[in-house]
Protein backbone atom coordinates (compact mmCIF):
# COMPACT_ATOMS: atom_id res chain seq x y z
CA MET A 1 8.50 -15.06 -17.87
CA LEU A 2 11.19 -15.50 -15.23
CA ASP A 3 13.86 -13.74 -17.30
CA ALA A 4 12.43 -10.34 -16.41
CA TYR A 5 12.84 -11.12 -12.72
CA ARG A 6 16.32 -12.60 -13.12
CA ARG A 7 17.48 -9.32 -14.67
CA ILE A 8 16.55 -7.27 -11.61
CA LEU A 9 17.06 -9.68 -8.69
CA THR A 10 20.78 -9.44 -8.04
CA PRO A 11 22.12 -10.38 -4.58
CA ALA A 12 22.03 -6.70 -3.57
CA THR A 13 18.49 -5.96 -4.77
CA ALA A 14 17.08 -9.26 -3.55
CA SER A 15 18.60 -8.56 -0.14
CA PHE A 16 16.96 -5.17 0.38
CA SER A 17 13.67 -6.39 -1.13
CA VAL A 18 13.46 -9.34 1.25
CA ALA A 19 14.45 -7.17 4.22
CA GLY A 20 11.80 -4.67 3.17
CA LEU A 21 9.18 -7.42 3.00
CA ILE A 22 9.98 -8.53 6.54
CA ALA A 23 10.15 -4.96 7.83
CA ARG A 24 6.66 -4.09 6.61
CA LEU A 25 4.89 -7.13 8.00
CA PRO A 26 3.77 -5.05 11.03
CA ILE A 27 1.60 -2.98 8.69
CA SER A 28 -0.85 -5.88 8.53
CA MET A 29 -0.26 -7.12 12.08
CA VAL A 30 -0.45 -4.17 14.46
CA GLY A 31 -4.04 -3.02 13.89
CA LEU A 32 -5.53 -6.48 14.26
CA GLY A 33 -3.13 -7.33 17.09
CA LEU A 34 -4.23 -4.26 19.05
CA VAL A 35 -7.89 -5.17 18.59
CA LEU A 36 -7.31 -8.74 19.79
CA LEU A 37 -5.26 -7.70 22.83
CA ALA A 38 -7.44 -4.75 23.84
CA GLU A 39 -10.66 -6.77 23.56
CA ASP A 40 -9.16 -9.59 25.63
CA ALA A 41 -7.97 -7.14 28.28
CA THR A 42 -11.12 -5.00 28.52
CA GLY A 43 -13.93 -6.99 26.93
CA SER A 44 -14.82 -3.97 24.81
CA TYR A 45 -14.66 -4.10 21.03
CA GLY A 46 -15.43 -0.39 20.98
CA PHE A 47 -12.33 0.48 22.97
CA ALA A 48 -10.26 -2.06 21.04
CA GLY A 49 -11.32 -0.59 17.71
CA SER A 50 -10.64 2.96 18.88
CA VAL A 51 -7.09 2.11 19.99
CA SER A 52 -6.39 0.55 16.61
CA ALA A 53 -7.96 3.53 14.82
CA VAL A 54 -5.77 5.99 16.74
CA ALA A 55 -2.64 4.16 15.61
CA VAL A 56 -3.81 4.06 11.98
CA LEU A 57 -4.76 7.75 11.91
CA ALA A 58 -1.48 8.79 13.51
CA ASN A 59 0.41 6.77 10.93
CA ALA A 60 -1.47 8.47 8.09
CA ALA A 61 -0.94 11.92 9.62
CA PHE A 62 2.83 11.58 9.98
CA ALA A 63 3.65 9.53 6.88
CA ILE A 64 4.21 12.66 4.77
CA VAL A 65 6.49 14.25 7.37
CA GLN A 66 8.43 11.03 7.62
CA GLY A 67 8.75 10.85 3.83
CA ARG A 68 10.15 14.36 3.72
CA LEU A 69 12.73 13.49 6.37
CA LEU A 70 13.72 10.35 4.49
CA ASP A 71 14.38 12.41 1.36
CA ARG A 72 16.27 15.13 3.23
CA LEU A 73 18.34 13.06 5.65
CA GLY A 74 18.57 9.63 4.04
CA GLN A 75 16.99 6.28 4.87
CA ALA A 76 19.63 4.94 7.23
CA ARG A 77 19.55 7.97 9.53
CA VAL A 78 15.77 8.24 9.74
CA LEU A 79 14.75 4.59 9.81
CA GLY A 80 16.99 3.71 12.73
CA VAL A 81 15.41 6.43 14.87
CA VAL A 82 11.76 5.92 13.96
CA ILE A 83 11.85 2.14 14.26
CA SER A 84 13.41 2.44 17.72
CA VAL A 85 10.68 4.87 18.82
CA TRP A 86 8.04 2.61 17.30
CA GLY A 87 9.32 -0.50 19.05
CA VAL A 88 9.41 1.17 22.46
CA ALA A 89 6.03 2.87 22.02
CA LEU A 90 4.31 -0.32 20.86
CA ALA A 91 5.85 -2.32 23.71
CA LEU A 92 4.55 0.27 26.17
CA THR A 93 1.13 0.14 24.50
CA VAL A 94 1.07 -3.63 25.05
CA ALA A 95 2.05 -3.11 28.68
CA SER A 96 -0.62 -0.47 29.18
CA LEU A 97 -3.32 -2.81 27.90
CA GLN A 98 -2.16 -5.76 29.95
CA GLU A 99 -1.65 -3.76 33.14
CA GLY A 100 -4.83 -1.72 32.86
CA TRP A 101 -3.19 1.72 32.62
CA PRO A 102 -5.52 4.71 32.12
CA HIS A 103 -7.13 4.72 28.69
CA PRO A 104 -5.87 8.21 27.71
CA LEU A 105 -2.30 7.03 28.24
CA THR A 106 -2.97 3.98 26.05
CA TYR A 107 -4.27 6.25 23.29
CA VAL A 108 -1.17 8.45 23.50
CA LEU A 109 1.18 5.48 23.31
CA ALA A 110 -0.76 3.98 20.40
CA ALA A 111 -0.59 7.33 18.59
CA VAL A 112 3.19 7.54 19.07
CA ALA A 113 3.59 3.99 17.80
CA GLY A 114 1.41 4.71 14.78
CA ALA A 115 3.24 7.92 13.94
CA ALA A 116 6.65 6.25 14.17
CA LEU A 117 5.82 3.13 12.12
CA PRO A 118 8.33 3.40 9.26
CA SER A 119 7.17 3.86 5.67
CA VAL A 120 9.26 0.92 4.55
CA GLY A 121 7.18 0.28 1.45
CA THR A 122 7.95 3.74 0.06
CA CYS A 123 11.61 3.34 1.03
CA VAL A 124 11.88 0.07 -0.89
CA ARG A 125 10.30 1.60 -3.99
CA ALA A 126 12.55 4.66 -3.71
CA ARG A 127 15.54 2.34 -3.52
CA TRP A 128 14.43 0.47 -6.64
CA SER A 129 13.98 3.83 -8.38
CA HIS A 130 17.56 4.75 -7.49
CA VAL A 131 19.07 1.44 -8.57
CA LEU A 132 17.11 1.22 -11.83
CA ALA A 133 16.86 4.93 -12.61
CA ASP A 134 17.88 4.50 -16.25
CA ASP A 135 15.68 1.51 -17.09
CA PRO A 136 11.90 2.11 -16.79
CA ASP A 137 11.07 -1.38 -18.12
CA ARG A 138 13.01 -3.09 -15.35
CA LEU A 139 11.64 -0.58 -12.82
CA HIS A 140 8.12 -1.68 -13.75
CA THR A 141 9.16 -5.28 -13.02
CA ALA A 142 10.63 -4.16 -9.69
CA PHE A 143 7.39 -2.42 -8.72
CA SER A 144 5.57 -5.62 -9.64
CA VAL A 145 7.82 -7.49 -7.21
CA GLU A 146 6.84 -5.03 -4.49
CA ALA A 147 3.14 -5.32 -5.33
CA VAL A 148 3.46 -9.07 -4.87
CA ALA A 149 5.32 -8.44 -1.61
CA ASP A 150 2.47 -6.20 -0.44
CA GLU A 151 -0.02 -8.97 -1.15
CA ALA A 152 2.19 -11.43 0.74
CA VAL A 153 2.27 -9.05 3.71
CA TYR A 154 -1.52 -8.98 3.86
CA LEU A 155 -1.73 -12.74 3.48
CA ILE A 156 0.89 -13.61 6.11
CA GLY A 157 0.44 -10.86 8.71
CA PRO A 158 -3.21 -11.27 9.77
CA ILE A 159 -2.97 -15.06 9.86
CA THR A 160 0.20 -14.95 11.96
CA VAL A 161 -1.03 -12.39 14.48
CA THR A 162 -4.39 -14.17 14.90
CA LEU A 163 -2.78 -17.56 15.38
CA LEU A 164 -0.30 -16.26 17.95
CA ALA A 165 -2.90 -14.22 19.84
CA THR A 166 -5.38 -17.08 20.08
CA ALA A 167 -3.08 -20.08 20.47
CA VAL A 168 -0.15 -18.65 22.46
CA HIS A 169 -1.00 -15.39 24.28
CA PRO A 170 -3.13 -12.32 23.45
CA ALA A 171 0.04 -10.18 23.28
CA ALA A 172 2.12 -12.69 21.31
CA GLY A 173 1.09 -11.34 17.91
CA LEU A 174 2.19 -7.81 18.79
CA VAL A 175 5.46 -9.06 20.28
CA ALA A 176 6.14 -10.89 17.02
CA ALA A 177 5.35 -7.70 15.10
CA ILE A 178 7.90 -5.79 17.17
CA VAL A 179 10.57 -8.42 16.57
CA VAL A 180 10.13 -8.63 12.78
CA GLY A 181 9.57 -4.88 12.42
CA VAL A 182 12.65 -3.81 14.34
CA GLY A 183 14.86 -6.59 12.98
CA GLY A 184 13.72 -6.19 9.39
CA THR A 185 14.01 -2.41 9.38
CA PHE A 186 17.52 -2.38 10.81
CA ALA A 187 18.54 -5.07 8.30
CA PHE A 188 17.09 -2.94 5.50
CA ALA A 189 18.66 0.33 6.68
CA ALA A 190 22.09 -1.32 7.07
CA GLN A 191 22.32 -1.91 3.31
CA ARG A 192 23.92 1.40 2.44
CA ALA A 193 25.25 0.51 -1.03
CA THR A 194 21.79 0.66 -2.60
CA GLU A 195 20.46 3.56 -0.53
CA PRO A 196 19.30 6.63 -2.50
CA PRO A 197 21.36 9.75 -1.80
CA ALA A 198 20.00 12.28 0.68
CA HIS A 199 18.94 15.63 -0.76
CA ALA A 200 19.79 17.97 2.09
CA GLY A 201 22.26 20.07 0.13
CA PRO A 202 21.73 23.42 -1.58
CA ARG A 203 18.52 23.58 -3.56
CA THR A 204 18.23 24.86 -7.07
CA ARG A 205 17.81 28.66 -6.98
CA GLY A 206 17.20 28.43 -3.25
CA ARG A 207 13.90 26.60 -3.66
CA ARG A 208 12.72 23.04 -3.21
CA ASP A 209 11.84 21.03 -6.27
CA ALA A 210 8.16 21.48 -7.03
CA MET A 211 5.76 18.69 -6.17
CA PRO A 212 3.89 17.64 -9.35
CA TRP A 213 0.45 18.02 -7.80
CA ILE A 214 -1.25 17.66 -11.18
CA THR A 215 -0.26 13.99 -10.94
CA ILE A 216 0.20 13.27 -7.24
CA ALA A 217 -3.10 14.77 -6.02
CA PRO A 218 -5.35 12.61 -8.23
CA LEU A 219 -3.13 9.58 -7.64
CA THR A 220 -3.66 10.07 -3.91
CA VAL A 221 -7.41 10.08 -4.56
CA VAL A 222 -7.01 6.88 -6.60
CA SER A 223 -5.24 5.29 -3.65
CA ALA A 224 -7.85 6.50 -1.16
CA ALA A 225 -10.57 5.04 -3.38
CA LEU A 226 -8.69 1.73 -3.47
CA GLY A 227 -8.45 1.86 0.32
CA LEU A 228 -12.20 2.42 0.49
CA LEU A 229 -12.68 -0.63 -1.73
CA PHE A 230 -10.36 -2.78 0.41
CA GLY A 231 -11.89 -1.68 3.70
CA ALA A 232 -15.41 -2.34 2.45
CA ALA A 233 -14.52 -5.70 0.91
CA GLU A 234 -13.09 -7.08 4.17
CA VAL A 235 -16.19 -6.20 6.19
CA VAL A 236 -18.72 -7.21 3.54
CA THR A 237 -17.04 -10.55 2.83
CA VAL A 238 -17.22 -11.49 6.51
CA ALA A 239 -20.92 -10.56 6.54
CA PHE A 240 -21.57 -12.43 3.28
CA ALA A 241 -19.94 -15.61 4.61
CA GLU A 242 -21.97 -15.32 7.82
CA GLU A 243 -25.21 -14.89 5.87
CA GLN A 244 -24.31 -18.02 3.91
CA GLY A 245 -23.94 -19.94 7.18
CA SER A 246 -20.13 -20.25 7.16
CA ARG A 247 -18.38 -17.33 8.82
CA ALA A 248 -15.09 -19.25 8.70
CA ALA A 249 -15.19 -19.03 4.89
CA ALA A 250 -14.48 -15.28 5.03
CA GLY A 251 -10.74 -15.81 5.45
CA PRO A 252 -10.38 -18.17 2.46
CA LEU A 253 -12.55 -15.86 0.32
CA LEU A 254 -10.32 -12.88 1.07
CA GLY A 255 -7.33 -15.14 0.54
CA VAL A 256 -8.33 -16.08 -3.01
CA TRP A 257 -8.96 -12.39 -3.74
CA ALA A 258 -5.40 -11.59 -2.63
CA LEU A 259 -4.15 -14.62 -4.56
CA GLY A 260 -5.66 -13.26 -7.77
CA SER A 261 -3.91 -9.95 -7.18
CA LEU A 262 -0.63 -11.68 -6.39
CA LEU A 263 -0.75 -13.74 -9.60
CA ALA A 264 -1.59 -10.64 -11.63
CA GLY A 265 1.39 -8.85 -10.11
CA VAL A 266 3.73 -11.68 -11.07
CA ILE A 267 2.42 -11.75 -14.63
CA SER A 268 2.42 -7.98 -15.00
CA GLY A 269 6.04 -7.74 -13.92
CA ALA A 270 7.12 -10.17 -16.63
CA VAL A 271 5.47 -8.20 -19.45
CA ALA A 272 7.34 -5.47 -21.35
CA TRP A 273 4.46 -3.03 -21.59
CA ARG A 274 4.31 -0.61 -24.51
CA SER A 275 1.59 1.49 -22.95
CA SER A 276 2.47 4.18 -20.43
CA PRO A 277 1.67 3.90 -16.70
CA LEU A 278 -1.19 6.38 -17.12
CA VAL A 279 -2.88 4.21 -19.74
CA ARG A 280 -2.38 1.11 -17.58
CA LEU A 281 -3.78 2.94 -14.55
CA ARG A 282 -6.96 3.87 -16.38
CA TRP A 283 -7.52 0.41 -17.80
CA GLY A 284 -6.77 -1.15 -14.42
CA ALA A 285 -9.31 1.09 -12.69
CA LEU A 286 -11.89 0.26 -15.36
CA GLY A 287 -11.15 -3.43 -14.77
CA MET A 288 -11.79 -2.97 -11.04
CA VAL A 289 -15.19 -1.43 -11.75
CA ALA A 290 -16.05 -4.37 -14.00
CA ALA A 291 -14.81 -6.84 -11.35
CA THR A 292 -16.73 -5.33 -8.41
CA LEU A 293 -20.15 -4.72 -9.98
CA PRO A 294 -21.09 -8.45 -10.19
CA LEU A 295 -20.31 -9.06 -6.50
CA ALA A 296 -23.75 -7.88 -5.40
CA LEU A 297 -25.36 -10.61 -7.54
CA VAL A 298 -23.31 -13.62 -6.39
CA PRO A 299 -25.56 -16.30 -4.80
CA SER A 300 -23.12 -18.63 -3.00
CA ILE A 301 -19.67 -19.02 -1.45
CA PRO A 302 -18.19 -21.21 -4.24
CA VAL A 303 -19.29 -18.73 -6.92
CA MET A 304 -18.02 -15.84 -4.80
CA ALA A 305 -14.60 -17.52 -4.58
CA VAL A 306 -14.38 -17.67 -8.38
CA VAL A 307 -15.56 -14.08 -8.85
CA LEU A 308 -13.14 -12.76 -6.21
CA LEU A 309 -10.23 -14.70 -7.69
CA ILE A 310 -10.90 -13.20 -11.12
CA GLY A 311 -11.56 -9.76 -9.65
CA GLY A 312 -8.26 -9.84 -7.80
CA PHE A 313 -6.44 -9.73 -11.13
CA ALA A 314 -7.32 -6.03 -11.48
CA ILE A 315 -5.75 -4.97 -8.18
CA SER A 316 -2.00 -5.35 -8.58
CA PRO A 317 -1.79 -3.91 -12.13
CA THR A 318 -3.67 -0.83 -10.94
CA MET A 319 -1.42 -0.34 -7.92
CA ILE A 320 1.74 -1.00 -9.95
CA ALA A 321 0.71 1.60 -12.51
CA THR A 322 -0.10 4.07 -9.72
CA PHE A 323 3.36 3.84 -8.16
CA SER A 324 5.09 3.71 -11.56
CA LEU A 325 3.39 6.92 -12.62
CA ALA A 326 4.21 8.62 -9.32
CA GLU A 327 7.86 7.58 -9.62
CA GLN A 328 7.98 8.82 -13.21
CA GLU A 329 6.73 12.29 -12.32
CA LEU A 330 8.33 12.96 -8.92
CA PRO A 331 11.66 14.80 -8.67
CA PRO A 332 14.37 12.69 -6.99
CA ALA A 333 14.61 15.08 -4.05
CA ARG A 334 10.93 14.50 -3.17
CA LEU A 335 10.48 10.91 -4.30
CA THR A 336 9.84 9.30 -0.91
CA GLU A 337 7.67 12.18 0.24
CA GLY A 338 5.54 12.02 -2.90
CA MET A 339 5.15 8.26 -2.74
CA ALA A 340 4.15 8.62 0.91
CA PHE A 341 1.14 10.67 -0.21
CA VAL A 342 0.07 7.83 -2.48
CA GLN A 343 0.73 5.12 0.11
CA THR A 344 -1.10 7.09 2.81
CA GLY A 345 -4.14 7.45 0.58
CA ILE A 346 -4.73 3.70 0.79
CA ALA A 347 -4.62 3.71 4.59
CA ALA A 348 -6.86 6.78 4.75
CA GLY A 349 -9.58 5.11 2.71
CA VAL A 350 -9.82 1.82 4.62
CA ALA A 351 -11.72 3.09 7.68
CA PRO A 352 -14.39 5.04 5.71
CA GLY A 353 -14.83 2.03 3.44
CA ALA A 354 -15.38 -0.30 6.38
CA ALA A 355 -17.79 2.17 8.00
CA LEU A 356 -19.79 2.67 4.80
CA ALA A 357 -20.02 -1.08 4.28
CA GLY A 358 -21.19 -1.60 7.86
CA ILE A 359 -24.02 0.92 7.44
CA VAL A 360 -25.24 -0.75 4.24
CA ILE A 361 -24.96 -4.24 5.76
CA ASP A 362 -27.13 -3.23 8.71
CA SER A 363 -29.81 -1.76 6.46
CA ARG A 364 -29.73 -3.84 3.26
CA GLY A 365 -27.58 -6.93 3.84
CA ALA A 366 -24.18 -8.08 2.63
CA SER A 367 -24.89 -8.47 -1.08
CA ALA A 368 -26.09 -4.88 -1.42
CA ALA A 369 -23.08 -3.71 0.58
CA TYR A 370 -20.75 -4.99 -2.14
CA LEU A 371 -21.89 -1.90 -4.05
CA ALA A 372 -19.68 0.04 -1.62
CA CYS A 373 -16.73 -1.78 -3.22
CA ALA A 374 -17.99 -0.81 -6.66
CA THR A 375 -18.26 2.79 -5.44
CA GLY A 376 -14.58 2.75 -4.46
CA ALA A 377 -13.63 1.32 -7.85
CA ALA A 378 -15.71 3.96 -9.65
CA LEU A 379 -14.06 6.76 -7.66
CA ALA A 380 -10.66 5.31 -8.56
CA LEU A 381 -11.60 5.34 -12.23
CA LEU A 382 -12.79 8.95 -12.09
CA ALA A 383 -9.57 10.01 -10.36
CA ALA A 384 -7.49 8.06 -12.89
CA LEU A 385 -9.27 9.84 -15.74
CA ALA A 386 -8.55 13.16 -14.02
CA THR A 387 -4.83 12.38 -13.63
CA ARG A 388 -2.50 14.41 -15.81
CA THR A 389 1.25 14.40 -16.29
CA ARG A 390 3.73 17.20 -16.80
CA PRO A 391 3.93 18.53 -20.38
CA ARG A 392 6.66 17.02 -22.48
CA ALA A 393 8.32 18.55 -25.49
CA THR A 394 7.77 16.56 -28.69
CA THR A 395 10.50 15.68 -31.16
CA LEU A 396 10.07 15.27 -34.92
CA GLY A 397 10.16 11.52 -34.42
CA GLY A 398 7.00 11.68 -32.31
CA HIS A 399 8.68 10.66 -29.04
CA ASP A 400 8.52 12.60 -25.80
CA ALA A 401 11.65 14.54 -25.03
CA ASP A 402 12.16 16.28 -21.72
CA PRO A 403 15.74 17.34 -21.02
CA GLY A 404 14.88 17.88 -17.38
CA SER A 405 13.31 14.50 -16.89
CA LYS A 406 15.11 11.86 -14.85
CA HIS A 407 13.94 9.15 -17.27
CA PRO A 408 14.65 8.89 -21.00
CA PRO A 409 11.58 8.50 -23.23
CA THR A 410 10.66 4.84 -23.66
CA GLY A 411 7.55 2.83 -24.35
CA ALA A 412 7.07 2.15 -20.67
CA GLY A 413 7.64 5.70 -19.44
CA GLY A 414 7.18 9.21 -20.69
CA GLY A 415 4.36 11.65 -20.26
CA GLU A 416 0.78 11.77 -21.47
CA ARG A 417 1.10 10.89 -25.14
CA ALA A 418 -1.74 10.34 -27.57
CA GLY A 419 -2.09 6.76 -26.34
CA ASP A 420 -2.56 8.03 -22.80
CA ARG A 421 -5.88 9.54 -23.79
CA GLN A 422 -7.51 6.29 -24.82
CA LEU A 423 -9.71 6.35 -21.72
CA ALA A 424 -9.84 10.13 -21.30
């Protein structure tokens, strides 16, 4: 199993992957850190939640613009600027909360910080795509590494920021986020040898490469549906644990869910898949539906831990297939921008998912609210079934052939072949 990882983790690739992991820790730290600091400073969860929401929405709104700049100007030039703006804006947001500055100013600063938070995850995947452009099998393994890294981010970040904010100082978690975010991003951007080339030169026939919306639009919906599932699951699991008389069990329950996803990512990356990313996406989404439907029937915390652990195994394969398919279809000149659409979809779905779950919890209880998670999984499946890829010419040998494609036809890549329609 480890051979697949040894083939891709050279000193150069391991270096930018580790730096990218550190650089994106703030993704899971800032929102919670803002809530903890703002509530401590004002005593209002409503205000605290709204400050965090402003930062999240601003990040989603500007992620696409940032992705376009990264493609046009290059990672090193853009990341150095945006991470500097982010660090200053977040530091000022912390100061505004501690010093009691006017609330509108706090919102503005939080919005600037959210908008400037670098899309490091998309940059790392774009870098892997550049380094392994001619080997889709190894690229799948690389995306599995990043899926595991994403799970690690969401395991480490919230625990770290909560511990620092409660045991050291309410602002300590956000200060730590600034340190690791700025340091990690500059360390990542400094690695120029593996950086994808910028695409600011003359365009073909005076036009930009077309965005493959037939693929990217439904994939963005898949991601938003996954975000809805994640947002609902976090809120419902806390309520479920509280109903069972052990609110403290919510963290471990969510932890075993992430652990299942992490393990699935490790295993998936070691497998040389013959099916295309589109087939894997559809089966993964179907697996998520099957994994979320039983949650509403679980009677106790120990049983819930087992069900969540098993259910977590559907998450990483689905996300890996989503990014693999996006990478396969996007033109190099719009790779980061296109992946930013997919990445932003996840963030855009979290808040509606949490809100929907909260409404159901108030009216029907936690168990019934787990159906909100199943709703997200079902929407992801429908979007996956609606996803199409660009037409490929077919050779006499039955393999896809596309002279304009950046990837040669292989068992792990290619367009929508007959096997891709197994779940259509």
